[in-house]
């Protein structure tokens, strides 16, 4: 697996949260996967 290739990781997400993520992904014209990745990057980037 190359360094830039995604690392497959099964993720269990609450149904209500997934519905919100899908809605945000649609609003931002992103896939659900990319929306989750974007949110994680924001979260991790704000950590000290």
C-alpha atoms as a PDB file:
ATOM      1  CA  UNK A   1       0.000   0.000   0.000  1.00  0.00           C
ATOM      2  CA  UNK A   2       1.456   3.378  -0.962  1.00  0.00           C
ATOM      3  CA  UNK A   3       1.768   6.200   1.548  1.00  0.00           C
ATOM      4  CA  UNK A   4      -1.021   8.241  -0.095  1.00  0.00           C
ATOM      5  CA  UNK A   5      -3.431   5.320  -0.432  1.00  0.00           C
ATOM      6  CA  UNK A   6      -6.322   5.102   1.985  1.00  0.00           C
ATOM      7  CA  UNK A   7      -6.122   2.748   4.919  1.00  0.00           C
ATOM      8  CA  UNK A   8      -9.346   0.724   4.988  1.00  0.00           C
ATOM      9  CA  UNK A   9     -10.911   0.872   8.436  1.00  0.00           C
ATOM     10  CA  UNK A  10     -14.428  -0.328   9.237  1.00  0.00           C
ATOM     11  CA  UNK A  11     -16.239   2.343  11.194  1.00  0.00           C
ATOM     12  CA  UNK A  12     -19.499   1.943  13.104  1.00  0.00           C
ATOM     13  CA  UNK A  13     -21.438   5.201  13.280  1.00  0.00           C
ATOM     14  CA  UNK A  14     -24.705   5.957  15.054  1.00  0.00           C
ATOM     15  CA  UNK A  15     -27.639   6.170  12.608  1.00  0.00           C
ATOM     16  CA  UNK A  16     -28.563   9.755  13.575  1.00  0.00           C
ATOM     17  CA  UNK A  17     -24.971  10.914  13.185  1.00  0.00           C
ATOM     18  CA  UNK A  18     -24.645   9.156   9.820  1.00  0.00           C
ATOM     19  CA  UNK A  19     -27.793  10.889   8.603  1.00  0.00           C
ATOM     20  CA  UNK A  20     -26.249  14.267   9.525  1.00  0.00           C
ATOM     21  CA  UNK A  21     -22.956  13.335   7.867  1.00  0.00           C
ATOM     22  CA  UNK A  22     -24.775  12.326   4.679  1.00  0.00           C
ATOM     23  CA  UNK A  23     -26.636  15.631   4.682  1.00  0.00           C
ATOM     24  CA  UNK A  24     -23.405  17.606   5.134  1.00  0.00           C
ATOM     25  CA  UNK A  25     -21.681  15.573   2.431  1.00  0.00           C
ATOM     26  CA  UNK A  26     -24.501  16.386   0.032  1.00  0.00           C
ATOM     27  CA  UNK A  27     -24.356  20.113   0.906  1.00  0.00           C
ATOM     28  CA  UNK A  28     -20.587  20.175   0.383  1.00  0.00           C
ATOM     29  CA  UNK A  29     -20.675  18.020  -2.773  1.00  0.00           C
ATOM     30  CA  UNK A  30     -18.429  15.400  -1.164  1.00  0.00           C
ATOM     31  CA  UNK A  31     -18.721  11.682  -0.638  1.00  0.00           C
ATOM     32  CA  UNK A  32     -19.604  10.514   2.852  1.00  0.00           C
ATOM     33  CA  UNK A  33     -16.077   9.131   3.164  1.00  0.00           C
ATOM     34  CA  UNK A  34     -14.516  12.498   2.261  1.00  0.00           C
ATOM     35  CA  UNK A  35     -16.878  14.329   4.627  1.00  0.00           C
ATOM     36  CA  UNK A  36     -15.783  12.085   7.496  1.00  0.00           C
ATOM     37  CA  UNK A  37     -12.127  12.568   6.521  1.00  0.00           C
ATOM     38  CA  UNK A  38     -12.638  16.351   6.418  1.00  0.00           C
ATOM     39  CA  UNK A  39     -14.246  16.365   9.887  1.00  0.00           C
ATOM     40  CA  UNK A  40     -11.442  14.217  11.306  1.00  0.00           C
ATOM     41  CA  UNK A  41      -8.783  16.510   9.809  1.00  0.00           C
ATOM     42  CA  UNK A  42     -10.462  19.521  11.426  1.00  0.00           C
ATOM     43  CA  UNK A  43     -10.695  17.730  14.771  1.00  0.00           C
ATOM     44  CA  UNK A  44      -7.125  16.438  14.744  1.00  0.00           C
ATOM     45  CA  UNK A  45      -5.785  19.760  13.471  1.00  0.00           C
ATOM     46  CA  UNK A  46      -7.318  21.536  16.481  1.00  0.00           C
ATOM     47  CA  UNK A  47      -5.666  19.220  19.004  1.00  0.00           C
ATOM     48  CA  UNK A  48      -2.531  20.326  20.802  1.00  0.00           C
END
